[in-house]
Every structure is written in structure tokens, then in C-alpha cells.
Amino acid sequence: MEKVIRHLTKDVIKVLKAGDFILFSGILYTARDQAHKKLLDLIKAKKPLPFDLKDKVIYYCGPTPALHGQVVGACGPTTSSRMDSFTPQLLSKGILAMIGKGQRCAEVIAAIKKYQAVYFSTYAGCGALLSQCVKSKKLICFAELGTEAVFAFEVEKFPLITAIDAQGGTIYE
């Protein structure tokens, strides 16, 4: 069954089940390995973050540059397990959801349950198609990382699969 979600909240997350198909409209924040490392370094140094992680949706993506007339180039998901070592601590700062591809380790699944978050998967190999869901793009921080900087995407009907729900249910078993 497909669900349309405009505002992702803790209440919405609680009713999602592994395997649910979602069309999400709202704001996603892109962040890959290097951005995750920088965020965690700031947390460890007890320095302020460049944006508040509370109630945010983090998309493991490094979008390619936009061609003429496009908002963004290809923006497919990257392998989520590369963020596993950073994820529990970032979830403790209030992240609602993460989007990527592939399985997560047991420690991340436990943190998803503990912090009542959710992990979505989206379609790998479809970066050009996914870019059509992006209505605007804004640089948030870490410009020096180029395409791996953190961007805010306003998306419309972005396709997601609930891969790990807030109770720890998973599509991977």
C-alpha cells in the first residue's frame, strides 16, 4: 500500500511498518560520509552544528551538478552502511529518518528503535529519475566538500520504502 506523507513526525513514524511504500513531500538534507564525519567531529568537540538535526530527514546522497535548466543532477542513494559508525550518535540528536540503500548493522537497528526513528530505502540506479522529484536545492553547509556538501532538497512525491521501522522491523530478513 502506498502512503503519501507531507509532514514526517514521531506520530507518523510510529505507524509505519517495514515494507510500506511512501511518497514523501517535504525537505530532505543530503549528507554522505565526509559530511557525517564533520558533524560528528563538531558534536565531539561540543561545538554548534551548522543546522539543527532535530526532526530532520537525512538522505545519503551526493547529487551531481545540475545541467542547464535542472534543479539538480542525478541524486541517487549511496550505500547506507558507510554511515553506520556515525548513525547512533546523530540519531541521539533528533534525526527522524534516514534514506539510503542497503542493510544497516545491528547497532544502527537498535538505535533506530531507541530513538524511534525510521530508515527508508529508495531506488538505486535511478538518480536521474529521482532528480525529477527535487523542486529546489539550497546549500546548507560544508561547501568545501563539493557535491558531498549538505544541501536541503524540497521534494515532491519522492518514492521511499520503509526499510527499518521504529520497532526494528526490517525488509532485509
C-alpha atoms as a PDB file:
ATOM      1  CA  MET A   1       0.000   0.000   0.000  1.00  0.00           C
ATOM      2  CA  GLU A   2       1.308   3.452  -0.926  1.00  0.00           C
ATOM      3  CA  LYS A   3       1.112   6.288   1.608  1.00  0.00           C
ATOM      4  CA  VAL A   4       1.531   9.978   0.863  1.00  0.00           C
ATOM      5  CA  ILE A   5       3.397  11.855   3.612  1.00  0.00           C
ATOM      6  CA  ARG A   6       3.742  15.628   3.721  1.00  0.00           C
ATOM      7  CA  HIS A   7       4.909  16.078   7.316  1.00  0.00           C
ATOM      8  CA  LEU A   8       7.050  13.382   8.868  1.00  0.00           C
ATOM      9  CA  THR A   9       6.586  13.378  12.648  1.00  0.00           C
ATOM     10  CA  LYS A  10       7.177  10.944  15.511  1.00  0.00           C
ATOM     11  CA  ASP A  11       3.455  10.077  15.377  1.00  0.00           C
ATOM     12  CA  VAL A  12       3.683   9.227  11.667  1.00  0.00           C
ATOM     13  CA  ILE A  13       6.866   7.207  12.206  1.00  0.00           C
ATOM     14  CA  LYS A  14       5.206   5.091  14.899  1.00  0.00           C
ATOM     15  CA  VAL A  15       2.603   3.730  12.464  1.00  0.00           C
ATOM     16  CA  LEU A  16       4.966   2.983   9.573  1.00  0.00           C
ATOM     17  CA  LYS A  17       5.789  -0.683   9.056  1.00  0.00           C
ATOM     18  CA  ALA A  18       8.698  -2.277   7.219  1.00  0.00           C
ATOM     19  CA  GLY A  19       7.653  -2.698   3.607  1.00  0.00           C
ATOM     20  CA  ASP A  20       5.360   0.349   3.450  1.00  0.00           C
ATOM     21  CA  PHE A  21       5.703   2.328   0.220  1.00  0.00           C
ATOM     22  CA  ILE A  22       5.794   6.098   0.763  1.00  0.00           C
ATOM     23  CA  LEU A  23       5.604   9.153  -1.479  1.00  0.00           C
ATOM     24  CA  PHE A  24       7.285  11.868   0.597  1.00  0.00           C
ATOM     25  CA  SER A  25       6.891  15.589   0.021  1.00  0.00           C
ATOM     26  CA  GLY A  26       8.940  17.901   2.204  1.00  0.00           C
ATOM     27  CA  ILE A  27      12.556  18.718   2.998  1.00  0.00           C
ATOM     28  CA  LEU A  28      15.466  16.253   2.839  1.00  0.00           C
ATOM     29  CA  TYR A  29      19.038  17.066   3.882  1.00  0.00           C
ATOM     30  CA  THR A  30      21.742  15.362   1.842  1.00  0.00           C
ATOM     31  CA  ALA A  31      24.773  14.068   3.743  1.00  0.00           C
ATOM     32  CA  ARG A  32      27.359  11.474   2.844  1.00  0.00           C
ATOM     33  CA  ASP A  33      30.448  10.118   4.595  1.00  0.00           C
ATOM     34  CA  GLN A  34      32.522  13.286   4.857  1.00  0.00           C
ATOM     35  CA  ALA A  35      29.597  15.440   5.995  1.00  0.00           C
ATOM     36  CA  HIS A  36      28.746  12.829   8.637  1.00  0.00           C
ATOM     37  CA  LYS A  37      32.352  12.887   9.859  1.00  0.00           C
ATOM     38  CA  LYS A  38      32.344  16.688  10.096  1.00  0.00           C
ATOM     39  CA  LEU A  39      29.044  16.684  12.016  1.00  0.00           C
ATOM     40  CA  LEU A  40      30.318  14.053  14.445  1.00  0.00           C
ATOM     41  CA  ASP A  41      33.605  15.930  14.920  1.00  0.00           C
ATOM     42  CA  LEU A  42      31.616  19.065  15.854  1.00  0.00           C
ATOM     43  CA  ILE A  43      29.485  17.064  18.305  1.00  0.00           C
ATOM     44  CA  LYS A  44      32.567  15.515  19.922  1.00  0.00           C
ATOM     45  CA  ALA A  45      34.195  18.971  20.208  1.00  0.00           C
ATOM     46  CA  LYS A  46      30.951  20.294  21.759  1.00  0.00           C
ATOM     47  CA  LYS A  47      30.740  22.946  19.035  1.00  0.00           C
ATOM     48  CA  PRO A  48      27.476  24.168  17.499  1.00  0.00           C
ATOM     49  CA  LEU A  49      26.197  22.344  14.451  1.00  0.00           C
ATOM     50  CA  PRO A  50      25.630  24.314  11.230  1.00  0.00           C
ATOM     51  CA  PHE A  51      21.978  23.194  11.282  1.00  0.00           C
ATOM     52  CA  ASP A  52      19.730  21.575  13.866  1.00  0.00           C
ATOM     53  CA  LEU A  53      19.402  17.809  13.352  1.00  0.00           C
ATOM     54  CA  LYS A  54      16.167  17.574  15.355  1.00  0.00           C
ATOM     55  CA  ASP A  55      13.256  16.322  13.245  1.00  0.00           C
ATOM     56  CA  LYS A  56      15.316  16.218  10.058  1.00  0.00           C
ATOM     57  CA  VAL A  57      15.334  13.630   7.275  1.00  0.00           C
ATOM     58  CA  ILE A  58      18.865  12.805   6.124  1.00  0.00           C
ATOM     59  CA  TYR A  59      19.350  11.486   2.590  1.00  0.00           C
ATOM     60  CA  TYR A  60      22.610   9.631   1.961  1.00  0.00           C
ATOM     61  CA  CYS A  61      23.262  11.292  -1.363  1.00  0.00           C
ATOM     62  CA  GLY A  62      25.895  13.353  -3.144  1.00  0.00           C
ATOM     63  CA  PRO A  63      23.987  14.967  -6.009  1.00  0.00           C
ATOM     64  CA  THR A  64      25.734  15.570  -9.293  1.00  0.00           C
ATOM     65  CA  PRO A  65      25.804  19.118 -10.662  1.00  0.00           C
ATOM     66  CA  ALA A  66      22.662  20.266 -12.430  1.00  0.00           C
ATOM     67  CA  LEU A  67      22.642  20.526 -16.186  1.00  0.00           C
ATOM     68  CA  HIS A  68      21.156  23.608 -17.829  1.00  0.00           C
ATOM     69  CA  GLY A  69      17.570  24.113 -16.705  1.00  0.00           C
ATOM     70  CA  GLN A  70      17.628  21.450 -13.958  1.00  0.00           C
ATOM     71  CA  VAL A  71      17.397  21.934 -10.193  1.00  0.00           C
ATOM     72  CA  VAL A  72      19.870  19.121  -9.550  1.00  0.00           C
ATOM     73  CA  GLY A  73      21.661  16.404 -11.483  1.00  0.00           C
ATOM     74  CA  ALA A  74      21.364  12.723 -10.669  1.00  0.00           C
ATOM     75  CA  CYS A  75      20.693  12.220  -6.965  1.00  0.00           C
ATOM     76  CA  GLY A  76      20.515   8.533  -6.208  1.00  0.00           C
ATOM     77  CA  PRO A  77      21.148   6.983  -2.794  1.00  0.00           C
ATOM     78  CA  THR A  78      24.552   5.848  -1.594  1.00  0.00           C
ATOM     79  CA  THR A  79      25.288   2.729   0.448  1.00  0.00           C
ATOM     80  CA  SER A  80      23.989   3.368   3.957  1.00  0.00           C
ATOM     81  CA  SER A  81      26.327   1.018   5.819  1.00  0.00           C
ATOM     82  CA  ARG A  82      29.143   3.523   5.253  1.00  0.00           C
ATOM     83  CA  MET A  83      27.303   5.844   7.680  1.00  0.00           C
ATOM     84  CA  ASP A  84      26.702   3.161  10.335  1.00  0.00           C
ATOM     85  CA  SER A  85      29.561   4.253  12.615  1.00  0.00           C
ATOM     86  CA  PHE A  86      28.123   7.796  12.763  1.00  0.00           C
ATOM     87  CA  THR A  87      24.413   6.996  12.902  1.00  0.00           C
ATOM     88  CA  PRO A  88      23.685   6.197  16.576  1.00  0.00           C
ATOM     89  CA  GLN A  89      25.211   9.458  17.804  1.00  0.00           C
ATOM     90  CA  LEU A  90      23.461  11.500  15.094  1.00  0.00           C
ATOM     91  CA  LEU A  91      20.144   9.815  15.905  1.00  0.00           C
ATOM     92  CA  SER A  92      20.637  10.910  19.518  1.00  0.00           C
ATOM     93  CA  LYS A  93      20.498  14.499  18.239  1.00  0.00           C
ATOM     94  CA  GLY A  94      16.933  14.009  16.994  1.00  0.00           C
ATOM     95  CA  ILE A  95      17.097  12.841  13.381  1.00  0.00           C
ATOM     96  CA  LEU A  96      13.668  11.463  12.411  1.00  0.00           C
ATOM     97  CA  ALA A  97      14.633   9.472   9.349  1.00  0.00           C
ATOM     98  CA  MET A  98      17.420   8.413   7.063  1.00  0.00           C
ATOM     99  CA  ILE A  99      17.263   7.463   3.389  1.00  0.00           C
ATOM    100  CA  GLY A 100      19.760   5.318   1.532  1.00  0.00           C
ATOM    101  CA  LYS A 101      20.211   1.857   0.119  1.00  0.00           C
ATOM    102  CA  GLY A 102      21.156  -1.439   1.667  1.00  0.00           C
ATOM    103  CA  GLN A 103      21.157  -3.054   5.083  1.00  0.00           C
ATOM    104  CA  ARG A 104      22.132  -1.489   8.405  1.00  0.00           C
ATOM    105  CA  CYS A 105      24.137  -3.100  11.219  1.00  0.00           C
ATOM    106  CA  ALA A 106      22.579  -4.358  14.459  1.00  0.00           C
ATOM    107  CA  GLU A 107      23.825  -1.293  16.386  1.00  0.00           C
ATOM    108  CA  VAL A 108      22.011   1.050  13.987  1.00  0.00           C
ATOM    109  CA  ILE A 109      18.805  -1.001  14.147  1.00  0.00           C
ATOM    110  CA  ALA A 110      18.960  -0.813  17.963  1.00  0.00           C
ATOM    111  CA  ALA A 111      19.475   2.976  17.774  1.00  0.00           C
ATOM    112  CA  ILE A 112      16.537   3.325  15.356  1.00  0.00           C
ATOM    113  CA  LYS A 113      14.353   1.539  17.930  1.00  0.00           C
ATOM    114  CA  LYS A 114      15.780   3.508  20.881  1.00  0.00           C
ATOM    115  CA  TYR A 115      15.246   6.911  19.254  1.00  0.00           C
ATOM    116  CA  GLN A 116      12.017   5.929  17.463  1.00  0.00           C
ATOM    117  CA  ALA A 117      13.361   6.851  14.033  1.00  0.00           C
ATOM    118  CA  VAL A 118      12.930   5.165  10.670  1.00  0.00           C
ATOM    119  CA  TYR A 119      15.204   4.116   7.830  1.00  0.00           C
ATOM    120  CA  PHE A 120      13.893   4.378   4.296  1.00  0.00           C
ATOM    121  CA  SER A 121      15.360   2.921   1.163  1.00  0.00           C
ATOM    122  CA  THR A 122      14.914   4.425  -2.261  1.00  0.00           C
ATOM    123  CA  TYR A 123      15.581   3.148  -5.728  1.00  0.00           C
ATOM    124  CA  ALA A 124      19.263   2.656  -6.563  1.00  0.00           C
ATOM    125  CA  GLY A 125      20.348   3.243 -10.130  1.00  0.00           C
ATOM    126  CA  CYS A 126      17.553   5.767 -10.660  1.00  0.00           C
ATOM    127  CA  GLY A 127      19.346   9.011  -9.764  1.00  0.00           C
ATOM    128  CA  ALA A 128      18.187  10.844 -12.883  1.00  0.00           C
ATOM    129  CA  LEU A 129      14.590   9.793 -12.264  1.00  0.00           C
ATOM    130  CA  LEU A 130      14.755  10.754  -8.561  1.00  0.00           C
ATOM    131  CA  SER A 131      16.102  14.201  -9.513  1.00  0.00           C
ATOM    132  CA  GLN A 132      12.734  14.968 -11.123  1.00  0.00           C
ATOM    133  CA  CYS A 133      11.184  14.911  -7.619  1.00  0.00           C
ATOM    134  CA  VAL A 134      13.530  17.691  -6.422  1.00  0.00           C
ATOM    135  CA  LYS A 135      11.806  21.078  -6.676  1.00  0.00           C
ATOM    136  CA  SER A 136      14.534  23.211  -5.064  1.00  0.00           C
ATOM    137  CA  LYS A 137      18.072  22.829  -3.724  1.00  0.00           C
ATOM    138  CA  LYS A 138      19.846  25.031  -1.178  1.00  0.00           C
ATOM    139  CA  LEU A 139      23.417  24.745   0.142  1.00  0.00           C
ATOM    140  CA  ILE A 140      23.321  24.351   3.942  1.00  0.00           C
ATOM    141  CA  CYS A 141      26.956  23.756   4.954  1.00  0.00           C
ATOM    142  CA  PHE A 142      30.352  22.256   4.138  1.00  0.00           C
ATOM    143  CA  ALA A 143      30.617  23.849   0.681  1.00  0.00           C
ATOM    144  CA  GLU A 144      34.264  22.733   0.573  1.00  0.00           C
ATOM    145  CA  LEU A 145      33.004  19.156   0.101  1.00  0.00           C
ATOM    146  CA  GLY A 146      31.579  19.988  -3.334  1.00  0.00           C
ATOM    147  CA  THR A 147      28.841  17.541  -4.292  1.00  0.00           C
ATOM    148  CA  GLU A 148      29.138  15.970  -0.832  1.00  0.00           C
ATOM    149  CA  ALA A 149      28.210  19.219   0.917  1.00  0.00           C
ATOM    150  CA  VAL A 150      24.947  19.271   2.854  1.00  0.00           C
ATOM    151  CA  PHE A 151      22.046  20.505   0.732  1.00  0.00           C
ATOM    152  CA  ALA A 152      18.377  20.937   1.566  1.00  0.00           C
ATOM    153  CA  PHE A 153      16.149  19.466  -1.110  1.00  0.00           C
ATOM    154  CA  GLU A 154      12.494  20.335  -1.297  1.00  0.00           C
ATOM    155  CA  VAL A 155      10.978  17.204  -2.811  1.00  0.00           C
ATOM    156  CA  GLU A 156       7.565  16.233  -4.084  1.00  0.00           C
ATOM    157  CA  LYS A 157       6.347  12.626  -4.183  1.00  0.00           C
ATOM    158  CA  PHE A 158       9.828  11.244  -3.536  1.00  0.00           C
ATOM    159  CA  PRO A 159       9.474   7.415  -3.589  1.00  0.00           C
ATOM    160  CA  LEU A 160      10.551   5.558  -0.442  1.00  0.00           C
ATOM    161  CA  ILE A 161      10.232   2.100   1.065  1.00  0.00           C
ATOM    162  CA  THR A 162      10.163   1.759   4.841  1.00  0.00           C
ATOM    163  CA  ALA A 163      13.193  -0.497   5.216  1.00  0.00           C
ATOM    164  CA  ILE A 164      13.518  -0.448   9.024  1.00  0.00           C
ATOM    165  CA  ASP A 165      10.621   0.770  11.131  1.00  0.00           C
ATOM    166  CA  ALA A 166      10.682   2.303  14.636  1.00  0.00           C
ATOM    167  CA  GLN A 167      10.030  -1.124  16.198  1.00  0.00           C
ATOM    168  CA  GLY A 168      13.064  -2.642  14.433  1.00  0.00           C
ATOM    169  CA  GLY A 169      11.038  -4.457  11.778  1.00  0.00           C
ATOM    170  CA  THR A 170      13.074  -4.800   8.600  1.00  0.00           C
ATOM    171  CA  ILE A 171      12.612  -5.769   4.972  1.00  0.00           C
ATOM    172  CA  TYR A 172      16.070  -7.377   4.987  1.00  0.00           C
ATOM    173  CA  GLU A 173      15.181 -10.544   6.931  1.00  0.00           C
END
